[in-house]
């Protein structure tokens, strides 16, 4: 499933899962994927393992995943906007959403 054209966004925001996530990053990189990491500000121990990093502010263990998810949503929004995708009318929306 992972090949040269695959983009992987890895969330490195939970300290207790850091080593496992880093191991997964190394595995997908070995298969040719491009990896963008979302990480807590100040953590640079993994920079050589990824292609790019988006830093988010340090926060509590309950809010860090929310901040990381908002970051991925904004990333997707701006990529779609840059590519000229109709953000307000996504392709195949009618197939997945039924309006009454």
PDB file of N, CA and C in Angstrom:
ATOM      1  N   UNK A   1       0.803  -1.192   0.000  1.00  0.00           N
ATOM      2  CA  UNK A   1       0.000   0.000   0.000  1.00  0.00           C
ATOM      3  C   UNK A   1       0.855   1.269   0.000  1.00  0.00           C
ATOM      4  N   UNK A   2       1.986   1.243   0.678  1.00  0.00           N
ATOM      5  CA  UNK A   2       2.875   2.406   0.723  1.00  0.00           C
ATOM      6  C   UNK A   2       3.837   2.300  -0.451  1.00  0.00           C
ATOM      7  N   UNK A   3       3.936   3.396  -1.208  1.00  0.00           N
ATOM      8  CA  UNK A   3       4.858   3.433  -2.342  1.00  0.00           C
ATOM      9  C   UNK A   3       5.460   4.827  -2.439  1.00  0.00           C
ATOM     10  N   UNK A   4       6.229   5.075  -3.489  1.00  0.00           N
ATOM     11  CA  UNK A   4       6.946   6.343  -3.629  1.00  0.00           C
ATOM     12  C   UNK A   4       6.042   7.568  -3.607  1.00  0.00           C
ATOM     13  N   UNK A   5       4.835   7.459  -4.089  1.00  0.00           N
ATOM     14  CA  UNK A   5       3.954   8.625  -4.178  1.00  0.00           C
ATOM     15  C   UNK A   5       3.071   8.821  -2.949  1.00  0.00           C
ATOM     16  N   UNK A   6       3.247   8.012  -1.929  1.00  0.00           N
ATOM     17  CA  UNK A   6       2.383   8.077  -0.750  1.00  0.00           C
ATOM     18  C   UNK A   6       2.855   9.168   0.208  1.00  0.00           C
ATOM     19  N   UNK A   7       1.904   9.993   0.662  1.00  0.00           N
ATOM     20  CA  UNK A   7       2.184  10.991   1.685  1.00  0.00           C
ATOM     21  C   UNK A   7       1.622  10.487   3.003  1.00  0.00           C
ATOM     22  N   UNK A   8       2.461  10.472   4.021  1.00  0.00           N
ATOM     23  CA  UNK A   8       2.055  10.031   5.353  1.00  0.00           C
ATOM     24  C   UNK A   8       2.191  11.215   6.303  1.00  0.00           C
ATOM     25  N   UNK A   9       1.127  11.484   7.046  1.00  0.00           N
ATOM     26  CA  UNK A   9       1.180  12.505   8.085  1.00  0.00           C
ATOM     27  C   UNK A   9       1.226  11.773   9.420  1.00  0.00           C
ATOM     28  N   UNK A  10       2.320  11.958  10.137  1.00  0.00           N
ATOM     29  CA  UNK A  10       2.528  11.263  11.412  1.00  0.00           C
ATOM     30  C   UNK A  10       2.380  12.248  12.562  1.00  0.00           C
ATOM     31  N   UNK A  11       1.606  11.856  13.553  1.00  0.00           N
ATOM     32  CA  UNK A  11       1.398  12.713  14.722  1.00  0.00           C
ATOM     33  C   UNK A  11       2.301  12.253  15.862  1.00  0.00           C
ATOM     34  N   UNK A  12       3.259  13.084  16.188  1.00  0.00           N
ATOM     35  CA  UNK A  12       4.198  12.792  17.273  1.00  0.00           C
ATOM     36  C   UNK A  12       3.891  13.700  18.464  1.00  0.00           C
ATOM     37  N   UNK A  13       2.689  13.600  18.974  1.00  0.00           N
ATOM     38  CA  UNK A  13       2.259  14.500  20.046  1.00  0.00           C
ATOM     39  C   UNK A  13       2.099  13.803  21.391  1.00  0.00           C
ATOM     40  N   UNK A  14       2.198  12.489  21.422  1.00  0.00           N
ATOM     41  CA  UNK A  14       2.052  11.754  22.679  1.00  0.00           C
ATOM     42  C   UNK A  14       3.385  11.111  23.042  1.00  0.00           C
ATOM     43  N   UNK A  15       3.948  11.561  24.144  1.00  0.00           N
ATOM     44  CA  UNK A  15       5.268  11.082  24.567  1.00  0.00           C
ATOM     45  C   UNK A  15       5.306   9.565  24.752  1.00  0.00           C
ATOM     46  N   UNK A  16       4.242   8.985  25.295  1.00  0.00           N
ATOM     47  CA  UNK A  16       4.244   7.541  25.570  1.00  0.00           C
ATOM     48  C   UNK A  16       4.193   6.697  24.294  1.00  0.00           C
ATOM     49  N   UNK A  17       3.807   7.296  23.176  1.00  0.00           N
ATOM     50  CA  UNK A  17       3.763   6.575  21.900  1.00  0.00           C
ATOM     51  C   UNK A  17       4.871   7.012  20.945  1.00  0.00           C
ATOM     52  N   UNK A  18       5.779   7.856  21.414  1.00  0.00           N
ATOM     53  CA  UNK A  18       6.790   8.445  20.544  1.00  0.00           C
ATOM     54  C   UNK A  18       7.653   7.396  19.854  1.00  0.00           C
ATOM     55  N   UNK A  19       8.225   6.479  20.604  1.00  0.00           N
ATOM     56  CA  UNK A  19       9.132   5.475  20.026  1.00  0.00           C
ATOM     57  C   UNK A  19       8.412   4.572  19.029  1.00  0.00           C
ATOM     58  N   UNK A  20       7.191   4.162  19.333  1.00  0.00           N
ATOM     59  CA  UNK A  20       6.404   3.314  18.426  1.00  0.00           C
ATOM     60  C   UNK A  20       6.086   4.068  17.137  1.00  0.00           C
ATOM     61  N   UNK A  21       5.689   5.333  17.277  1.00  0.00           N
ATOM     62  CA  UNK A  21       5.380   6.142  16.098  1.00  0.00           C
ATOM     63  C   UNK A  21       6.629   6.359  15.258  1.00  0.00           C
ATOM     64  N   UNK A  22       7.751   6.614  15.906  1.00  0.00           N
ATOM     65  CA  UNK A  22       9.011   6.796  15.183  1.00  0.00           C
ATOM     66  C   UNK A  22       9.399   5.526  14.436  1.00  0.00           C
ATOM     67  N   UNK A  23       9.168   4.379  15.026  1.00  0.00           N
ATOM     68  CA  UNK A  23       9.421   3.101  14.362  1.00  0.00           C
ATOM     69  C   UNK A  23       8.542   2.958  13.120  1.00  0.00           C
ATOM     70  N   UNK A  24       7.285   3.355  13.233  1.00  0.00           N
ATOM     71  CA  UNK A  24       6.375   3.305  12.080  1.00  0.00           C
ATOM     72  C   UNK A  24       6.819   4.261  10.981  1.00  0.00           C
ATOM     73  N   UNK A  25       7.313   5.431  11.371  1.00  0.00           N
ATOM     74  CA  UNK A  25       7.815   6.396  10.392  1.00  0.00           C
ATOM     75  C   UNK A  25       8.987   5.798   9.626  1.00  0.00           C
ATOM     76  N   UNK A  26       9.907   5.167  10.328  1.00  0.00           N
ATOM     77  CA  UNK A  26      11.063   4.547   9.673  1.00  0.00           C
ATOM     78  C   UNK A  26      10.627   3.466   8.692  1.00  0.00           C
ATOM     79  N   UNK A  27       9.593   2.726   9.057  1.00  0.00           N
ATOM     80  CA  UNK A  27       9.100   1.661   8.182  1.00  0.00           C
ATOM     81  C   UNK A  27       8.501   2.217   6.893  1.00  0.00           C
ATOM     82  N   UNK A  28       7.662   3.250   6.992  1.00  0.00           N
ATOM     83  CA  UNK A  28       7.058   3.795   5.771  1.00  0.00           C
ATOM     84  C   UNK A  28       8.085   4.540   4.933  1.00  0.00           C
ATOM     85  N   UNK A  29       9.090   5.167   5.579  1.00  0.00           N
ATOM     86  CA  UNK A  29      10.164   5.813   4.825  1.00  0.00           C
ATOM     87  C   UNK A  29      10.965   4.780   4.037  1.00  0.00           C
ATOM     88  N   UNK A  30      11.182   3.610   4.625  1.00  0.00           N
ATOM     89  CA  UNK A  30      11.915   2.545   3.942  1.00  0.00           C
ATOM     90  C   UNK A  30      11.176   2.073   2.699  1.00  0.00           C
ATOM     91  N   UNK A  31       9.873   2.257   2.681  1.00  0.00           N
ATOM     92  CA  UNK A  31       9.058   1.861   1.522  1.00  0.00           C
ATOM     93  C   UNK A  31       8.867   2.998   0.527  1.00  0.00           C
ATOM     94  N   UNK A  32       9.486   4.145   0.792  1.00  0.00           N
ATOM     95  CA  UNK A  32       9.476   5.232  -0.169  1.00  0.00           C
ATOM     96  C   UNK A  32       8.476   6.341   0.079  1.00  0.00           C
ATOM     97  N   UNK A  33       7.780   6.317   1.184  1.00  0.00           N
ATOM     98  CA  UNK A  33       6.783   7.352   1.454  1.00  0.00           C
ATOM     99  C   UNK A  33       7.449   8.664   1.845  1.00  0.00           C
ATOM    100  N   UNK A  34       6.745   9.754   1.584  1.00  0.00           N
ATOM    101  CA  UNK A  34       7.148  11.069   2.075  1.00  0.00           C
ATOM    102  C   UNK A  34       6.397  11.278   3.382  1.00  0.00           C
ATOM    103  N   UNK A  35       7.113  11.717   4.426  1.00  0.00           N
ATOM    104  CA  UNK A  35       6.503  11.840   5.752  1.00  0.00           C
ATOM    105  C   UNK A  35       6.554  13.283   6.233  1.00  0.00           C
ATOM    106  N   UNK A  36       5.388  13.781   6.611  1.00  0.00           N
ATOM    107  CA  UNK A  36       5.276  15.064   7.291  1.00  0.00           C
ATOM    108  C   UNK A  36       4.864  14.756   8.724  1.00  0.00           C
ATOM    109  N   UNK A  37       5.627  15.259   9.677  1.00  0.00           N
ATOM    110  CA  UNK A  37       5.324  15.008  11.087  1.00  0.00           C
ATOM    111  C   UNK A  37       4.647  16.221  11.700  1.00  0.00           C
ATOM    112  N   UNK A  38       3.670  15.952  12.545  1.00  0.00           N
ATOM    113  CA  UNK A  38       3.087  16.983  13.393  1.00  0.00           C
ATOM    114  C   UNK A  38       3.610  16.679  14.788  1.00  0.00           C
ATOM    115  N   UNK A  39       4.368  17.627  15.342  1.00  0.00           N
ATOM    116  CA  UNK A  39       5.062  17.365  16.606  1.00  0.00           C
ATOM    117  C   UNK A  39       4.950  18.549  17.548  1.00  0.00           C
ATOM    118  N   UNK A  40       5.221  18.268  18.806  1.00  0.00           N
ATOM    119  CA  UNK A  40       5.203  19.310  19.822  1.00  0.00           C
ATOM    120  C   UNK A  40       6.404  20.229  19.656  1.00  0.00           C
ATOM    121  N   UNK A  41       6.157  21.506  19.799  1.00  0.00           N
ATOM    122  CA  UNK A  41       7.209  22.509  19.663  1.00  0.00           C
ATOM    123  C   UNK A  41       8.361  22.192  20.611  1.00  0.00           C
ATOM    124  N   UNK A  42       9.573  22.275  20.087  1.00  0.00           N
ATOM    125  CA  UNK A  42      10.757  22.016  20.894  1.00  0.00           C
ATOM    126  C   UNK A  42      11.318  20.611  20.750  1.00  0.00           C
ATOM    127  N   UNK A  43      10.547  19.706  20.194  1.00  0.00           N
ATOM    128  CA  UNK A  43      11.012  18.326  20.015  1.00  0.00           C
ATOM    129  C   UNK A  43      11.618  18.192  18.620  1.00  0.00           C
ATOM    130  N   UNK A  44      12.929  18.028  18.564  1.00  0.00           N
ATOM    131  CA  UNK A  44      13.608  17.933  17.272  1.00  0.00           C
ATOM    132  C   UNK A  44      14.402  16.643  17.122  1.00  0.00           C
ATOM    133  N   UNK A  45      14.203  15.698  18.011  1.00  0.00           N
ATOM    134  CA  UNK A  45      15.006  14.474  18.017  1.00  0.00           C
ATOM    135  C   UNK A  45      14.739  13.559  16.825  1.00  0.00           C
ATOM    136  N   UNK A  46      13.701  13.798  16.075  1.00  0.00           N
ATOM    137  CA  UNK A  46      13.277  12.924  14.984  1.00  0.00           C
ATOM    138  C   UNK A  46      13.435  13.576  13.613  1.00  0.00           C
ATOM    139  N   UNK A  47      13.900  14.829  13.545  1.00  0.00           N
ATOM    140  CA  UNK A  47      13.889  15.591  12.296  1.00  0.00           C
ATOM    141  C   UNK A  47      14.596  14.899  11.140  1.00  0.00           C
ATOM    142  N   UNK A  48      15.618  14.116  11.431  1.00  0.00           N
ATOM    143  CA  UNK A  48      16.344  13.438  10.354  1.00  0.00           C
ATOM    144  C   UNK A  48      15.532  12.293   9.753  1.00  0.00           C
ATOM    145  N   UNK A  49      14.475  11.870  10.419  1.00  0.00           N
ATOM    146  CA  UNK A  49      13.656  10.741   9.957  1.00  0.00           C
ATOM    147  C   UNK A  49      12.480  11.159   9.077  1.00  0.00           C
ATOM    148  N   UNK A  50      12.167  12.458   9.024  1.00  0.00           N
ATOM    149  CA  UNK A  50      10.988  12.918   8.288  1.00  0.00           C
ATOM    150  C   UNK A  50      11.388  13.925   7.221  1.00  0.00           C
ATOM    151  N   UNK A  51      10.470  14.170   6.290  1.00  0.00           N
ATOM    152  CA  UNK A  51      10.734  15.123   5.218  1.00  0.00           C
ATOM    153  C   UNK A  51      10.412  16.558   5.621  1.00  0.00           C
ATOM    154  N   UNK A  52       9.408  16.716   6.464  1.00  0.00           N
ATOM    155  CA  UNK A  52       9.014  18.047   6.913  1.00  0.00           C
ATOM    156  C   UNK A  52       8.305  17.935   8.256  1.00  0.00           C
ATOM    157  N   UNK A  53       8.252  19.047   8.976  1.00  0.00           N
ATOM    158  CA  UNK A  53       7.636  19.052  10.305  1.00  0.00           C
ATOM    159  C   UNK A  53       6.710  20.250  10.432  1.00  0.00           C
ATOM    160  N   UNK A  54       5.555  20.018  11.024  1.00  0.00           N
ATOM    161  CA  UNK A  54       4.656  21.093  11.430  1.00  0.00           C
ATOM    162  C   UNK A  54       4.627  21.041  12.953  1.00  0.00           C
ATOM    163  N   UNK A  55       5.057  22.120  13.584  1.00  0.00           N
ATOM    164  CA  UNK A  55       5.082  22.150  15.043  1.00  0.00           C
ATOM    165  C   UNK A  55       3.791  22.736  15.592  1.00  0.00           C
ATOM    166  N   UNK A  56       3.310  22.138  16.668  1.00  0.00           N
ATOM    167  CA  UNK A  56       2.145  22.648  17.392  1.00  0.00           C
ATOM    168  C   UNK A  56       2.598  22.971  18.813  1.00  0.00           C
ATOM    169  N   UNK A  57       1.894  23.901  19.470  1.00  0.00           N
ATOM    170  CA  UNK A  57       2.306  24.254  20.833  1.00  0.00           C
ATOM    171  C   UNK A  57       2.122  23.103  21.810  1.00  0.00           C
ATOM    172  N   UNK A  58       2.980  23.071  22.809  1.00  0.00           N
ATOM    173  CA  UNK A  58       2.829  22.069  23.872  1.00  0.00           C
ATOM    174  C   UNK A  58       1.560  22.380  24.648  1.00  0.00           C
ATOM    175  N   UNK A  59       0.845  21.322  25.003  1.00  0.00           N
ATOM    176  CA  UNK A  59      -0.393  21.487  25.761  1.00  0.00           C
ATOM    177  C   UNK A  59      -0.614  20.232  26.594  1.00  0.00           C
ATOM    178  N   UNK A  60      -1.725  20.177  27.282  1.00  0.00           N
ATOM    179  CA  UNK A  60      -2.034  19.015  28.106  1.00  0.00           C
ATOM    180  C   UNK A  60      -2.282  17.774  27.270  1.00  0.00           C
ATOM    181  N   UNK A  61      -2.216  16.617  27.912  1.00  0.00           N
ATOM    182  CA  UNK A  61      -2.368  15.351  27.193  1.00  0.00           C
ATOM    183  C   UNK A  61      -3.757  15.211  26.575  1.00  0.00           C
ATOM    184  N   UNK A  62      -4.745  15.898  27.114  1.00  0.00           N
ATOM    185  CA  UNK A  62      -6.097  15.805  26.556  1.00  0.00           C
ATOM    186  C   UNK A  62      -6.298  16.739  25.363  1.00  0.00           C
ATOM    187  N   UNK A  63      -5.579  17.843  25.324  1.00  0.00           N
ATOM    188  CA  UNK A  63      -5.783  18.812  24.246  1.00  0.00           C
ATOM    189  C   UNK A  63      -4.817  18.639  23.079  1.00  0.00           C
ATOM    190  N   UNK A  64      -3.680  18.005  23.293  1.00  0.00           N
ATOM    191  CA  UNK A  64      -2.697  17.826  22.214  1.00  0.00           C
ATOM    192  C   UNK A  64      -3.281  17.115  20.993  1.00  0.00           C
ATOM    193  N   UNK A  65      -4.059  16.031  21.149  1.00  0.00           N
ATOM    194  CA  UNK A  65      -4.640  15.390  19.961  1.00  0.00           C
ATOM    195  C   UNK A  65      -5.631  16.287  19.218  1.00  0.00           C
ATOM    196  N   UNK A  66      -6.351  17.117  19.956  1.00  0.00           N
ATOM    197  CA  UNK A  66      -7.298  18.040  19.317  1.00  0.00           C
ATOM    198  C   UNK A  66      -6.542  19.060  18.481  1.00  0.00           C
ATOM    199  N   UNK A  67      -5.490  19.623  19.051  1.00  0.00           N
ATOM    200  CA  UNK A  67      -4.681  20.604  18.317  1.00  0.00           C
ATOM    201  C   UNK A  67      -4.056  19.965  17.083  1.00  0.00           C
ATOM    202  N   UNK A  68      -3.565  18.743  17.207  1.00  0.00           N
ATOM    203  CA  UNK A  68      -2.971  18.043  16.060  1.00  0.00           C
ATOM    204  C   UNK A  68      -4.014  17.775  14.981  1.00  0.00           C
ATOM    205  N   UNK A  69      -5.230  17.411  15.371  1.00  0.00           N
ATOM    206  CA  UNK A  69      -6.277  17.151  14.383  1.00  0.00           C
ATOM    207  C   UNK A  69      -6.729  18.421  13.677  1.00  0.00           C
ATOM    208  N   UNK A  70      -6.826  19.519  14.403  1.00  0.00           N
ATOM    209  CA  UNK A  70      -7.154  20.800  13.766  1.00  0.00           C
ATOM    210  C   UNK A  70      -6.059  21.162  12.765  1.00  0.00           C
ATOM    211  N   UNK A  71      -4.822  20.892  13.137  1.00  0.00           N
ATOM    212  CA  UNK A  71      -3.694  21.160  12.239  1.00  0.00           C
ATOM    213  C   UNK A  71      -3.814  20.357  10.947  1.00  0.00           C
ATOM    214  N   UNK A  72      -4.186  19.086  11.037  1.00  0.00           N
ATOM    215  CA  UNK A  72      -4.333  18.277   9.819  1.00  0.00           C
ATOM    216  C   UNK A  72      -5.505  18.760   8.974  1.00  0.00           C
ATOM    217  N   UNK A  73      -6.575  19.212   9.607  1.00  0.00           N
ATOM    218  CA  UNK A  73      -7.717  19.752   8.859  1.00  0.00           C
ATOM    219  C   UNK A  73      -7.314  21.018   8.108  1.00  0.00           C
ATOM    220  N   UNK A  74      -6.571  21.895   8.764  1.00  0.00           N
ATOM    221  CA  UNK A  74      -6.097  23.108   8.094  1.00  0.00           C
ATOM    222  C   UNK A  74      -5.133  22.773   6.962  1.00  0.00           C
ATOM    223  N   UNK A  75      -4.277  21.797   7.186  1.00  0.00           N
ATOM    224  CA  UNK A  75      -3.356  21.356   6.135  1.00  0.00           C
ATOM    225  C   UNK A  75      -4.141  20.881   4.911  1.00  0.00           C
ATOM    226  N   UNK A  76      -5.142  20.037   5.138  1.00  0.00           N
ATOM    227  CA  UNK A  76      -5.966  19.524   4.035  1.00  0.00           C
ATOM    228  C   UNK A  76      -6.706  20.656   3.331  1.00  0.00           C
ATOM    229  N   UNK A  77      -7.205  21.594   4.092  1.00  0.00           N
ATOM    230  CA  UNK A  77      -7.927  22.738   3.519  1.00  0.00           C
ATOM    231  C   UNK A  77      -7.021  23.535   2.585  1.00  0.00           C
ATOM    232  N   UNK A  78      -5.826  23.881   3.064  1.00  0.00           N
ATOM    233  CA  UNK A  78      -4.933  24.697   2.249  1.00  0.00           C
ATOM    234  C   UNK A  78      -4.352  23.934   1.060  1.00  0.00           C
ATOM    235  N   UNK A  79      -4.141  22.646   1.187  1.00  0.00           N
ATOM    236  CA  UNK A  79      -3.712  21.845   0.032  1.00  0.00           C
ATOM    237  C   UNK A  79      -4.811  21.839  -1.025  1.00  0.00           C
ATOM    238  N   UNK A  80      -6.049  21.609  -0.603  1.00  0.00           N
ATOM    239  CA  UNK A  80      -7.176  21.599  -1.542  1.00  0.00           C
ATOM    240  C   UNK A  80      -7.336  22.959  -2.210  1.00  0.00           C
ATOM    241  N   UNK A  81      -7.201  24.008  -1.432  1.00  0.00           N
ATOM    242  CA  UNK A  81      -7.329  25.360  -1.980  1.00  0.00           C
ATOM    243  C   UNK A  81      -6.216  25.646  -2.992  1.00  0.00           C
ATOM    244  N   UNK A  82      -4.997  25.239  -2.663  1.00  0.00           N
ATOM    245  CA  UNK A  82      -3.860  25.433  -3.563  1.00  0.00           C
ATOM    246  C   UNK A  82      -4.043  24.668  -4.872  1.00  0.00           C
ATOM    247  N   UNK A  83      -4.619  23.468  -4.786  1.00  0.00           N
ATOM    248  CA  UNK A  83      -4.842  22.648  -5.978  1.00  0.00           C
ATOM    249  C   UNK A  83      -6.064  23.091  -6.780  1.00  0.00           C
ATOM    250  N   UNK A  84      -6.804  24.071  -6.259  1.00  0.00           N
ATOM    251  CA  UNK A  84      -7.976  24.567  -6.974  1.00  0.00           C
ATOM    252  C   UNK A  84      -9.207  23.698  -6.824  1.00  0.00           C
ATOM    253  N   UNK A  85      -9.228  22.854  -5.823  1.00  0.00           N
ATOM    254  CA  UNK A  85     -10.379  21.991  -5.572  1.00  0.00           C
ATOM    255  C   UNK A  85     -11.524  22.832  -5.028  1.00  0.00           C
ATOM    256  N   UNK A  86     -12.755  22.507  -5.435  1.00  0.00           N
ATOM    257  CA  UNK A  86     -13.926  23.206  -4.915  1.00  0.00           C
ATOM    258  C   UNK A  86     -14.159  22.741  -3.479  1.00  0.00           C
ATOM    259  N   UNK A  87     -13.742  23.547  -2.541  1.00  0.00           N
ATOM    260  CA  UNK A  87     -13.776  23.178  -1.131  1.00  0.00           C
ATOM    261  C   UNK A  87     -15.204  23.080  -0.611  1.00  0.00           C
ATOM    262  N   UNK A  88     -16.089  23.926  -1.121  1.00  0.00           N
ATOM    263  CA  UNK A  88     -17.473  23.943  -0.633  1.00  0.00           C
ATOM    264  C   UNK A  88     -18.346  22.872  -1.272  1.00  0.00           C
ATOM    265  N   UNK A  89     -17.941  22.337  -2.392  1.00  0.00           N
ATOM    266  CA  UNK A  89     -18.698  21.288  -3.083  1.00  0.00           C
ATOM    267  C   UNK A  89     -17.755  20.148  -3.467  1.00  0.00           C
ATOM    268  N   UNK A  90     -17.333  19.353  -2.496  1.00  0.00           N
ATOM    269  CA  UNK A  90     -16.398  18.266  -2.809  1.00  0.00           C
ATOM    270  C   UNK A  90     -16.998  17.239  -3.767  1.00  0.00           C
ATOM    271  N   UNK A  91     -16.144  16.674  -4.585  1.00  0.00           N
ATOM    272  CA  UNK A  91     -16.558  15.653  -5.536  1.00  0.00           C
ATOM    273  C   UNK A  91     -17.154  14.466  -4.785  1.00  0.00           C
ATOM    274  N   UNK A  92     -18.217  13.903  -5.305  1.00  0.00           N
ATOM    275  CA  UNK A  92     -18.902  12.729  -4.750  1.00  0.00           C
ATOM    276  C   UNK A  92     -19.584  12.981  -3.402  1.00  0.00           C
ATOM    277  N   UNK A  93     -19.814  14.233  -3.052  1.00  0.00           N
ATOM    278  CA  UNK A  93     -20.476  14.530  -1.786  1.00  0.00           C
ATOM    279  C   UNK A  93     -21.886  13.949  -1.750  1.00  0.00           C
ATOM    280  N   UNK A  94     -22.606  14.033  -2.858  1.00  0.00           N
ATOM    281  CA  UNK A  94     -23.990  13.539  -2.891  1.00  0.00           C
ATOM    282  C   UNK A  94     -24.061  12.039  -2.647  1.00  0.00           C
ATOM    283  N   UNK A  95     -23.000  11.317  -2.977  1.00  0.00           N
ATOM    284  CA  UNK A  95     -22.997   9.873  -2.788  1.00  0.00           C
ATOM    285  C   UNK A  95     -22.854   9.481  -1.318  1.00  0.00           C
ATOM    286  N   UNK A  96     -22.297  10.379  -0.513  1.00  0.00           N
ATOM    287  CA  UNK A  96     -22.053  10.017   0.879  1.00  0.00           C
ATOM    288  C   UNK A  96     -22.927  10.770   1.879  1.00  0.00           C
ATOM    289  N   UNK A  97     -23.553  11.857   1.437  1.00  0.00           N
ATOM    290  CA  UNK A  97     -24.391  12.656   2.328  1.00  0.00           C
ATOM    291  C   UNK A  97     -25.772  12.802   1.713  1.00  0.00           C
ATOM    292  N   UNK A  98     -26.780  12.458   2.470  1.00  0.00           N
ATOM    293  CA  UNK A  98     -28.156  12.612   2.002  1.00  0.00           C
ATOM    294  C   UNK A  98     -28.782  13.795   2.721  1.00  0.00           C
ATOM    295  N   UNK A  99     -29.313  14.733   1.944  1.00  0.00           N
ATOM    296  CA  UNK A  99     -29.952  15.913   2.512  1.00  0.00           C
ATOM    297  C   UNK A  99     -31.453  15.717   2.461  1.00  0.00           C
ATOM    298  N   UNK A 100     -32.129  15.983   3.574  1.00  0.00           N
ATOM    299  CA  UNK A 100     -33.582  15.820   3.610  1.00  0.00           C
ATOM    300  C   UNK A 100     -34.275  17.075   3.166  1.00  0.00           C
TER     301      UNK A 100
END
